[in-house]
Amino acid sequence: MAGIHRLVTVLPLALAASTASGTDVVSMTAVTTDATALLGGYRPVQVKLSTERPAGEMKLPEGLEGLLFGVMPLKTASGQAVGVAIFEPESGDPKMFIDANGNGDYTDDAAPQWRSELRPSAQGDRHKICNGGAMLRIGEGDKAFDGHFRMYRFDPKDPGRASAKDFLFVYRDYAMQGEARLGDKTYKIMLSDDGCTGDFRGVEPSADGKTGSGVSLYIDVNGSGSFDRRGEQYDVRKPFKIAGVAYELKDLTREGASFSIAKSDKEVEEILPPPDHGVGKPITAFEAQTMDGKTLKFPGDYKGKIVLIDFWATWCGPCMVEMPNVVAAHKKFRDQGFEVLGISLDRPESESKIKSVAEKQEMDWPQVYDGGYWKARIAQLYGISSIPATFLVDGDTGKVIGANLRGEKLVAAVEKALADKKK
């Protein structure tokens, strides 16, 4: 986003010290913004909006009527609530105000980024979506830092997003980064404040296991250089197992600047990470039936081709925003040997909706759909935890050429791959 500070220089810190008991102490460094890309996705937190003015003294910008108010999950170092106010006029630019210091004055804080644009919906029409972000203080003392919170809001008049009309969606774009040694191996690690509370210690998980601490420890177990939610994401308040050994975190600080890793005697299942589909790695082969009843073997059926396997869903806003770019690339290069294979993560009984959306968007390529939603068979096989997710594959070698390419980057990658194949 224009005007937002870029990624700070981050030096991964290896094992800092050991306690008398041999427990490893890990030091971490703050990534103040753009951590979403490093973590490979996000989980939005809902902030309820209302026209009801919060209790207490407030100072608001003058001349604005019909403001919507909400309370961020983040609190200041002194425990004050961080409020948000949104102005949505019938015409003209929307505005956002954040009481970052929690003093009740919405006019003495740095203005957040907030803009609107028209985007296509799953129904083929266009609705306004607002997005932006703000730098807010995380923690206190010499370990405190300003972290970037990204935010977005769907058009309250969009019938396809009726359940979201009263909410602002917020997600963390900051994290802590470092390295840790487990056994005889050193791993790249990150801490993610998924709950956007600014407290990396998280909260006590529920006894029934339905809710976690809200903070995740990511460990690059397979050494791919990226993080997968399956087998590489762990709750900071729960034990985890790697290479047959169980561990748990101790002495985690509020700012996530340090913690220790100790061996655990608790029973926990080890979950292996998904296959490494990095550039140059072989893509996982599978056989599936397309929605038109044909049996397809991937990547075997794409000899001599460059193929994009695209994990998407009609309910996925970012997928539908990106889809015109995929369609344009397919139209431009299909006569030169470029193909697309869609893997739909739509809910059960969505056949007619998928076909309708595909027709409207001119997605004239095969679709694989089994109604499994996030547990769709191919999505599970590939370890897909966020969409859109794409892999550009050479049909001859079966190796990955690129992953999660968007817009002009997709066009450039396809063009280069086709040229290389001709050579």
Protein backbone atom coordinates (compact mmCIF):
# COMPACT_ATOMS: atom_id res chain seq x y z
CA MET A 1 0.00 0.00 0.00
CA ALA A 2 1.22 3.47 -0.84
CA GLY A 3 2.67 5.33 2.11
CA ILE A 4 3.13 2.29 4.33
CA HIS A 5 6.61 1.64 5.73
CA ARG A 6 8.37 -1.20 3.92
CA LEU A 7 9.83 -4.34 5.47
CA VAL A 8 12.48 -3.60 8.06
CA THR A 9 15.88 -5.24 7.80
CA VAL A 10 15.63 -8.48 9.73
CA LEU A 11 18.64 -10.46 10.87
CA PRO A 12 17.56 -13.97 11.92
CA LEU A 13 19.06 -14.73 15.31
CA ALA A 14 20.17 -18.25 16.11
CA LEU A 15 20.19 -19.84 19.52
CA ALA A 16 21.03 -17.10 22.03
CA ALA A 17 21.83 -19.01 25.21
CA SER A 18 21.11 -22.09 27.27
CA THR A 19 19.76 -22.31 30.78
CA ALA A 20 21.42 -24.33 33.52
CA SER A 21 19.02 -27.18 32.75
CA GLY A 22 20.06 -27.20 29.11
CA THR A 23 16.86 -25.58 27.90
CA ASP A 24 17.50 -23.54 24.76
CA VAL A 25 16.70 -19.82 24.87
CA VAL A 26 15.76 -18.22 21.56
CA SER A 27 16.02 -14.51 20.71
CA MET A 28 13.71 -13.06 18.06
CA THR A 29 13.68 -9.95 15.87
CA ALA A 30 10.62 -7.92 14.89
CA VAL A 31 9.33 -7.86 11.33
CA THR A 32 7.24 -4.69 11.47
CA THR A 33 5.37 -5.03 8.16
CA ASP A 34 4.95 -7.37 5.18
CA ALA A 35 5.13 -10.42 7.47
CA THR A 36 1.98 -11.77 5.81
CA ALA A 37 4.00 -12.65 2.73
CA LEU A 38 6.66 -14.40 4.83
CA LEU A 39 4.02 -16.42 6.69
CA GLY A 40 2.17 -17.33 3.53
CA GLY A 41 -1.31 -16.20 4.55
CA TYR A 42 -3.47 -14.75 7.30
CA ARG A 43 -6.57 -15.34 9.39
CA PRO A 44 -8.77 -12.24 9.66
CA VAL A 45 -10.23 -11.15 12.98
CA GLN A 46 -13.72 -9.66 12.98
CA VAL A 47 -14.24 -6.24 14.57
CA LYS A 48 -17.95 -5.57 15.15
CA LEU A 49 -19.11 -2.16 13.94
CA SER A 50 -22.05 -0.20 15.29
CA THR A 51 -23.53 3.29 15.06
CA GLU A 52 -23.73 3.32 18.86
CA ARG A 53 -21.12 5.65 20.29
CA PRO A 54 -18.86 3.96 22.90
CA ALA A 55 -19.08 5.09 26.50
CA GLY A 56 -16.58 7.62 27.82
CA GLU A 57 -15.10 10.87 26.64
CA MET A 58 -14.43 11.01 22.91
CA LYS A 59 -13.03 13.60 20.54
CA LEU A 60 -14.00 12.95 16.93
CA PRO A 61 -13.31 14.74 13.65
CA GLU A 62 -15.85 17.49 13.09
CA GLY A 63 -18.51 17.51 10.37
CA LEU A 64 -18.91 13.74 9.94
CA GLU A 65 -22.28 12.11 10.54
CA GLY A 66 -23.24 8.45 10.80
CA LEU A 67 -19.87 7.14 11.98
CA LEU A 68 -19.45 3.41 12.65
CA PHE A 69 -17.53 2.49 15.81
CA GLY A 70 -15.58 -0.61 16.78
CA VAL A 71 -12.91 -1.81 19.20
CA MET A 72 -9.69 -3.41 17.96
CA PRO A 73 -8.48 -6.61 19.69
CA LEU A 74 -5.22 -4.73 20.42
CA LYS A 75 -4.81 -2.86 23.69
CA THR A 76 -2.24 -0.23 24.56
CA ALA A 77 0.63 -0.95 26.97
CA SER A 78 -1.48 0.56 29.78
CA GLY A 79 -4.44 -1.66 28.91
CA GLN A 80 -6.56 0.95 27.13
CA ALA A 81 -8.80 -0.12 24.25
CA VAL A 82 -7.79 0.91 20.73
CA GLY A 83 -10.93 2.21 19.07
CA VAL A 84 -11.73 2.60 15.39
CA ALA A 85 -14.25 4.87 13.66
CA ILE A 86 -15.29 4.62 10.00
CA PHE A 87 -17.07 7.18 7.86
CA GLU A 88 -18.90 5.72 4.82
CA PRO A 89 -20.61 8.45 2.77
CA GLU A 90 -23.04 7.62 -0.03
CA SER A 91 -20.61 9.33 -2.40
CA GLY A 92 -17.04 10.42 -2.01
CA ASP A 93 -14.11 8.85 -0.22
CA PRO A 94 -14.53 6.77 2.94
CA LYS A 95 -12.42 7.65 5.99
CA MET A 96 -11.02 5.74 8.93
CA PHE A 97 -9.83 7.05 12.30
CA ILE A 98 -8.00 5.05 14.98
CA ASP A 99 -7.47 5.98 18.61
CA ALA A 100 -4.04 4.33 18.64
CA ASN A 101 -2.98 5.66 22.05
CA GLY A 102 -6.32 4.84 23.71
CA ASN A 103 -6.91 8.36 25.10
CA GLY A 104 -10.34 8.79 23.50
CA ASP A 105 -9.08 11.38 21.00
CA TYR A 106 -9.43 10.22 17.37
CA THR A 107 -7.75 13.35 16.02
CA ASP A 108 -4.26 13.15 17.55
CA ASP A 109 -3.11 9.85 16.00
CA ALA A 110 -1.45 9.16 12.67
CA ALA A 111 -4.06 8.71 9.94
CA PRO A 112 -4.39 5.10 8.77
CA GLN A 113 -4.39 4.13 5.11
CA TRP A 114 -7.99 3.62 3.91
CA ARG A 115 -9.27 3.60 0.34
CA SER A 116 -12.05 2.03 -1.69
CA GLU A 117 -12.22 0.40 -5.12
CA LEU A 118 -14.72 -1.54 -7.19
CA ARG A 119 -14.04 -5.26 -7.51
CA PRO A 120 -15.91 -8.09 -9.23
CA SER A 121 -17.95 -10.43 -7.06
CA ALA A 122 -18.70 -14.14 -7.49
CA GLN A 123 -22.04 -13.13 -9.03
CA GLY A 124 -20.27 -11.25 -11.83
CA ASP A 125 -21.28 -7.73 -10.68
CA ARG A 126 -19.03 -5.16 -9.02
CA HIS A 127 -19.08 -3.89 -5.45
CA LYS A 128 -16.99 -1.52 -3.40
CA ILE A 129 -14.35 -2.90 -1.07
CA CYS A 130 -12.31 -0.79 1.33
CA ASN A 131 -8.83 -1.72 2.46
CA GLY A 132 -5.87 -0.17 4.20
CA GLY A 133 -3.84 -0.46 7.35
CA ALA A 134 -2.15 1.26 10.27
CA MET A 135 1.09 1.09 12.26
CA LEU A 136 0.20 0.44 15.92
CA ARG A 137 2.35 0.01 19.01
CA ILE A 138 3.08 -3.55 20.14
CA GLY A 139 4.22 -4.10 23.73
CA GLU A 140 6.08 -1.75 26.04
CA GLY A 141 9.59 -0.83 27.10
CA ASP A 142 12.73 -1.31 25.01
CA LYS A 143 11.28 -4.38 23.24
CA ALA A 144 8.19 -2.54 21.95
CA PHE A 145 7.80 -1.87 18.22
CA ASP A 146 5.28 -0.46 15.73
CA GLY A 147 3.55 -3.28 13.87
CA HIS A 148 1.45 -3.06 10.72
CA PHE A 149 -2.21 -4.12 10.92
CA ARG A 150 -3.96 -4.65 7.60
CA MET A 151 -7.71 -4.05 7.39
CA TYR A 152 -10.51 -4.45 4.88
CA ARG A 153 -14.28 -4.09 4.71
CA PHE A 154 -16.76 -5.46 2.20
CA ASP A 155 -19.52 -3.34 0.70
CA PRO A 156 -22.44 -3.50 3.19
CA LYS A 157 -24.78 -3.35 0.18
CA ASP A 158 -23.29 -6.46 -1.44
CA PRO A 159 -25.97 -9.20 -1.13
CA GLY A 160 -23.30 -11.84 -1.53
CA ARG A 161 -21.56 -10.54 1.61
CA ALA A 162 -24.61 -9.90 3.78
CA SER A 163 -23.08 -11.71 6.78
CA ALA A 164 -20.07 -9.35 6.70
CA LYS A 165 -21.91 -6.02 6.51
CA ASP A 166 -21.44 -5.20 10.22
CA PHE A 167 -17.74 -6.06 10.43
CA LEU A 168 -14.30 -4.68 9.79
CA PHE A 169 -11.73 -7.41 9.12
CA VAL A 170 -8.26 -7.03 10.62
CA TYR A 171 -5.14 -9.17 10.35
CA ARG A 172 -1.57 -8.92 11.51
CA ASP A 173 1.13 -7.92 9.06
CA TYR A 174 3.87 -8.04 11.69
CA ALA A 175 5.65 -10.98 13.29
CA MET A 176 8.77 -12.09 15.15
CA GLN A 177 11.51 -13.95 13.30
CA GLY A 178 14.57 -15.99 14.26
CA GLU A 179 16.13 -19.45 14.36
CA ALA A 180 15.97 -22.32 16.85
CA ARG A 181 17.92 -25.54 17.26
CA LEU A 182 15.91 -28.70 17.88
CA GLY A 183 17.97 -31.83 18.26
CA ASP A 184 20.87 -31.61 15.82
CA LYS A 185 19.13 -29.29 13.35
CA THR A 186 18.59 -25.52 13.18
CA TYR A 187 15.24 -24.31 11.87
CA LYS A 188 13.92 -21.00 10.59
CA ILE A 189 11.05 -19.93 12.87
CA MET A 190 8.45 -17.16 13.22
CA LEU A 191 5.89 -16.11 15.82
CA SER A 192 2.52 -14.91 14.53
CA ASP A 193 0.04 -12.92 16.62
CA ASP A 194 -3.01 -14.30 14.77
CA GLY A 195 -5.45 -12.78 17.25
CA CYS A 196 -4.03 -9.26 16.67
CA THR A 197 -3.88 -8.63 20.43
CA GLY A 198 -0.26 -7.46 20.50
CA ASP A 199 0.52 -10.09 23.17
CA PHE A 200 2.61 -12.99 21.86
CA ARG A 201 1.89 -15.04 24.97
CA GLY A 202 -1.64 -15.63 23.74
CA VAL A 203 -4.54 -16.76 25.90
CA GLU A 204 -5.29 -20.09 27.52
CA PRO A 205 -6.80 -22.47 24.89
CA SER A 206 -10.29 -23.77 25.60
CA ALA A 207 -10.58 -27.14 27.33
CA ASP A 208 -12.56 -28.59 24.41
CA GLY A 209 -9.82 -27.66 21.94
CA LYS A 210 -12.12 -25.54 19.78
CA THR A 211 -10.19 -22.33 20.35
CA GLY A 212 -6.45 -21.91 20.68
CA SER A 213 -4.17 -19.29 22.19
CA GLY A 214 -4.35 -16.98 19.15
CA VAL A 215 -0.56 -17.06 18.68
CA SER A 216 1.29 -19.48 16.40
CA LEU A 217 4.85 -20.72 16.25
CA TYR A 218 5.90 -21.48 12.67
CA ILE A 219 8.83 -23.85 12.07
CA ASP A 220 10.23 -24.56 8.59
CA VAL A 221 10.41 -28.30 9.28
CA ASN A 222 11.00 -29.41 5.69
CA GLY A 223 13.49 -26.64 4.95
CA SER A 224 11.50 -25.35 1.97
CA GLY A 225 12.06 -21.70 2.88
CA SER A 226 8.35 -21.15 3.50
CA PHE A 227 5.79 -22.17 6.13
CA ASP A 228 2.83 -24.52 5.81
CA ARG A 229 -0.05 -24.60 8.25
CA ARG A 230 -0.07 -28.39 8.21
CA GLY A 231 2.91 -29.75 10.10
CA GLU A 232 4.71 -26.40 10.46
CA GLN A 233 2.27 -24.28 12.49
CA TYR A 234 1.92 -24.86 16.25
CA ASP A 235 0.01 -23.22 19.07
CA VAL A 236 2.49 -21.51 21.43
CA ARG A 237 0.60 -22.86 24.45
CA LYS A 238 0.51 -26.47 23.30
CA PRO A 239 3.26 -29.10 22.97
CA PHE A 240 4.41 -30.13 19.50
CA LYS A 241 6.52 -32.94 18.10
CA ILE A 242 9.30 -32.79 15.51
CA ALA A 243 11.47 -35.75 14.44
CA GLY A 244 9.90 -37.91 17.13
CA VAL A 245 10.64 -35.52 20.03
CA ALA A 246 7.99 -33.47 21.85
CA TYR A 247 8.72 -29.87 22.84
CA GLU A 248 6.94 -26.94 24.47
CA LEU A 249 7.62 -23.23 24.87
CA LYS A 250 8.53 -21.65 28.18
CA ASP A 251 9.00 -18.06 29.36
CA LEU A 252 7.57 -16.47 26.23
CA THR A 253 7.60 -12.67 26.58
CA ARG A 254 4.70 -10.36 25.73
CA GLU A 255 6.55 -8.85 22.76
CA GLY A 256 7.72 -12.28 21.55
CA ALA A 257 11.33 -11.17 21.85
CA SER A 258 12.50 -14.34 23.61
CA PHE A 259 11.40 -17.72 24.89
CA SER A 260 12.88 -21.10 25.72
CA ILE A 261 12.21 -24.46 24.12
CA ALA A 262 12.12 -27.45 26.45
CA LYS A 263 11.55 -31.14 25.84
CA SER A 264 8.07 -32.20 26.88
CA ASP A 265 6.82 -35.43 28.43
CA LYS A 266 3.29 -34.81 27.15
CA GLU A 267 1.80 -37.08 24.52
CA VAL A 268 1.32 -35.35 21.18
CA GLU A 269 0.89 -36.56 17.62
CA GLU A 270 3.53 -35.58 15.09
CA ILE A 271 2.02 -34.06 11.95
CA LEU A 272 4.25 -34.13 8.91
CA PRO A 273 4.34 -31.06 6.65
CA PRO A 274 2.98 -31.20 3.10
CA PRO A 275 5.24 -31.95 0.13
CA ASP A 276 7.76 -29.30 -0.88
CA HIS A 277 6.41 -27.68 -4.04
CA GLY A 278 9.10 -25.04 -4.31
CA VAL A 279 10.53 -23.97 -7.66
CA GLY A 280 12.43 -26.85 -9.26
CA LYS A 281 10.74 -29.49 -7.10
CA PRO A 282 8.53 -32.23 -8.59
CA ILE A 283 4.81 -31.57 -8.29
CA THR A 284 2.75 -34.25 -6.54
CA ALA A 285 1.02 -36.44 -9.13
CA PHE A 286 -2.64 -37.47 -8.84
CA GLU A 287 -5.57 -38.85 -10.78
CA ALA A 288 -9.01 -37.24 -10.52
CA GLN A 289 -12.34 -36.87 -12.29
CA THR A 290 -13.21 -33.46 -13.73
CA MET A 291 -16.66 -31.92 -13.49
CA ASP A 292 -17.41 -32.97 -17.06
CA GLY A 293 -16.88 -36.62 -16.11
CA LYS A 294 -13.44 -37.16 -17.61
CA THR A 295 -10.56 -38.90 -15.83
CA LEU A 296 -7.48 -36.72 -15.67
CA LYS A 297 -3.91 -37.61 -14.72
CA PHE A 298 -1.81 -34.73 -13.47
CA PRO A 299 0.77 -33.81 -14.62
CA GLY A 300 1.00 -36.78 -17.00
CA ASP A 301 -1.78 -35.56 -19.30
CA TYR A 302 0.04 -32.27 -19.91
CA LYS A 303 3.06 -33.49 -21.85
CA GLY A 304 4.42 -30.72 -24.05
CA LYS A 305 2.43 -28.12 -22.10
CA ILE A 306 2.91 -25.52 -19.41
CA VAL A 307 0.06 -25.88 -16.92
CA LEU A 308 -1.20 -23.77 -14.04
CA ILE A 309 -2.94 -25.71 -11.29
CA ASP A 310 -5.22 -23.23 -9.52
CA PHE A 311 -6.80 -23.90 -6.10
CA TRP A 312 -9.79 -21.55 -5.77
CA ALA A 313 -13.46 -21.27 -4.73
CA THR A 314 -16.44 -19.18 -5.74
CA TRP A 315 -16.73 -17.90 -2.14
CA CYS A 316 -13.10 -16.71 -2.11
CA GLY A 317 -12.96 -12.94 -2.74
CA PRO A 318 -9.21 -12.80 -3.54
CA CYS A 319 -9.65 -15.75 -5.92
CA MET A 320 -12.33 -13.94 -7.90
CA VAL A 321 -10.30 -10.73 -7.94
CA GLU A 322 -7.36 -12.60 -9.46
CA MET A 323 -9.42 -14.74 -11.85
CA PRO A 324 -9.58 -12.17 -14.71
CA ASN A 325 -5.77 -12.23 -14.80
CA VAL A 326 -5.75 -16.02 -15.09
CA VAL A 327 -8.40 -15.88 -17.82
CA ALA A 328 -6.43 -13.25 -19.74
CA ALA A 329 -3.22 -15.29 -19.54
CA HIS A 330 -5.07 -18.41 -20.72
CA LYS A 331 -6.56 -16.61 -23.71
CA LYS A 332 -3.21 -15.11 -24.62
CA PHE A 333 -1.09 -18.27 -24.42
CA ARG A 334 -3.32 -21.33 -24.82
CA ASP A 335 -2.57 -21.62 -28.53
CA GLN A 336 1.11 -21.72 -27.58
CA GLY A 337 0.73 -24.59 -25.12
CA PHE A 338 -0.50 -23.02 -21.86
CA GLU A 339 -3.28 -24.80 -19.93
CA VAL A 340 -5.07 -24.26 -16.62
CA LEU A 341 -6.49 -26.87 -14.24
CA GLY A 342 -8.89 -25.65 -11.54
CA ILE A 343 -9.25 -27.34 -8.15
CA SER A 344 -12.39 -26.01 -6.47
CA LEU A 345 -12.62 -25.85 -2.68
CA ASP A 346 -16.30 -25.02 -2.79
CA ARG A 347 -18.76 -26.36 -0.25
CA PRO A 348 -20.98 -29.41 -0.88
CA GLU A 349 -23.71 -29.13 -3.52
CA SER A 350 -22.06 -26.20 -5.32
CA GLU A 351 -21.88 -27.75 -8.78
CA SER A 352 -24.32 -25.34 -10.42
CA LYS A 353 -22.70 -22.32 -8.78
CA ILE A 354 -19.22 -23.33 -9.95
CA LYS A 355 -20.42 -23.87 -13.50
CA SER A 356 -22.30 -20.56 -13.51
CA VAL A 357 -19.30 -18.59 -12.22
CA ALA A 358 -16.93 -20.37 -14.62
CA GLU A 359 -19.18 -19.52 -17.56
CA LYS A 360 -19.54 -15.85 -16.58
CA GLN A 361 -15.82 -15.46 -15.99
CA GLU A 362 -14.92 -17.41 -19.18
CA MET A 363 -12.94 -20.00 -17.24
CA ASP A 364 -12.98 -22.53 -20.05
CA TRP A 365 -10.65 -25.13 -18.52
CA PRO A 366 -11.22 -28.38 -16.56
CA GLN A 367 -12.38 -28.17 -12.96
CA VAL A 368 -11.92 -30.82 -10.26
CA TYR A 369 -14.50 -30.59 -7.47
CA ASP A 370 -15.50 -33.13 -4.80
CA GLY A 371 -17.49 -30.93 -2.39
CA GLY A 372 -14.90 -31.36 0.35
CA TYR A 373 -14.46 -27.63 1.03
CA TRP A 374 -11.08 -27.26 2.86
CA LYS A 375 -10.85 -31.06 3.06
CA ALA A 376 -11.08 -31.52 -0.72
CA ARG A 377 -8.90 -34.52 -1.56
CA ILE A 378 -6.38 -32.76 -3.81
CA ALA A 379 -6.18 -29.79 -1.43
CA GLN A 380 -5.35 -32.19 1.40
CA LEU A 381 -2.79 -33.98 -0.76
CA TYR A 382 -1.07 -30.66 -1.48
CA GLY A 383 -1.46 -29.27 2.04
CA ILE A 384 -3.44 -26.24 0.85
CA SER A 385 -4.36 -23.98 3.77
CA SER A 386 -5.12 -20.70 1.99
CA ILE A 387 -6.43 -19.74 -1.43
CA PRO A 388 -5.89 -18.65 -4.10
CA ALA A 389 -2.93 -21.03 -4.38
CA THR A 390 -1.33 -21.74 -7.74
CA PHE A 391 1.57 -23.75 -9.12
CA LEU A 392 2.99 -23.30 -12.62
CA VAL A 393 4.25 -26.69 -13.82
CA ASP A 394 6.23 -28.02 -16.79
CA GLY A 395 4.13 -30.88 -18.12
CA ASP A 396 7.20 -32.71 -19.47
CA THR A 397 9.37 -32.70 -16.36
CA GLY A 398 6.57 -32.43 -13.80
CA LYS A 399 8.60 -29.78 -11.96
CA VAL A 400 7.35 -26.53 -10.47
CA ILE A 401 8.29 -23.40 -12.43
CA GLY A 402 6.62 -20.90 -10.13
CA ALA A 403 4.09 -20.63 -7.32
CA ASN A 404 1.38 -18.12 -6.40
CA LEU A 405 2.09 -15.92 -9.41
CA ARG A 406 -0.30 -12.99 -9.79
CA GLY A 407 -1.19 -10.55 -12.57
CA GLU A 408 1.75 -9.47 -14.69
CA LYS A 409 4.06 -11.91 -12.87
CA LEU A 410 1.93 -14.81 -14.12
CA VAL A 411 2.03 -13.53 -17.70
CA ALA A 412 5.80 -13.05 -17.56
CA ALA A 413 6.39 -16.50 -16.06
CA VAL A 414 4.20 -18.26 -18.63
CA GLU A 415 5.81 -16.38 -21.51
CA LYS A 416 9.30 -17.31 -20.31
CA ALA A 417 8.37 -20.96 -19.68
CA LEU A 418 6.91 -21.32 -23.17
CA ALA A 419 10.00 -19.71 -24.71
CA ASP A 420 12.30 -22.01 -22.73
CA LYS A 421 10.32 -25.04 -23.87
CA LYS A 422 10.75 -24.03 -27.52
CA LYS A 423 14.49 -23.87 -27.00
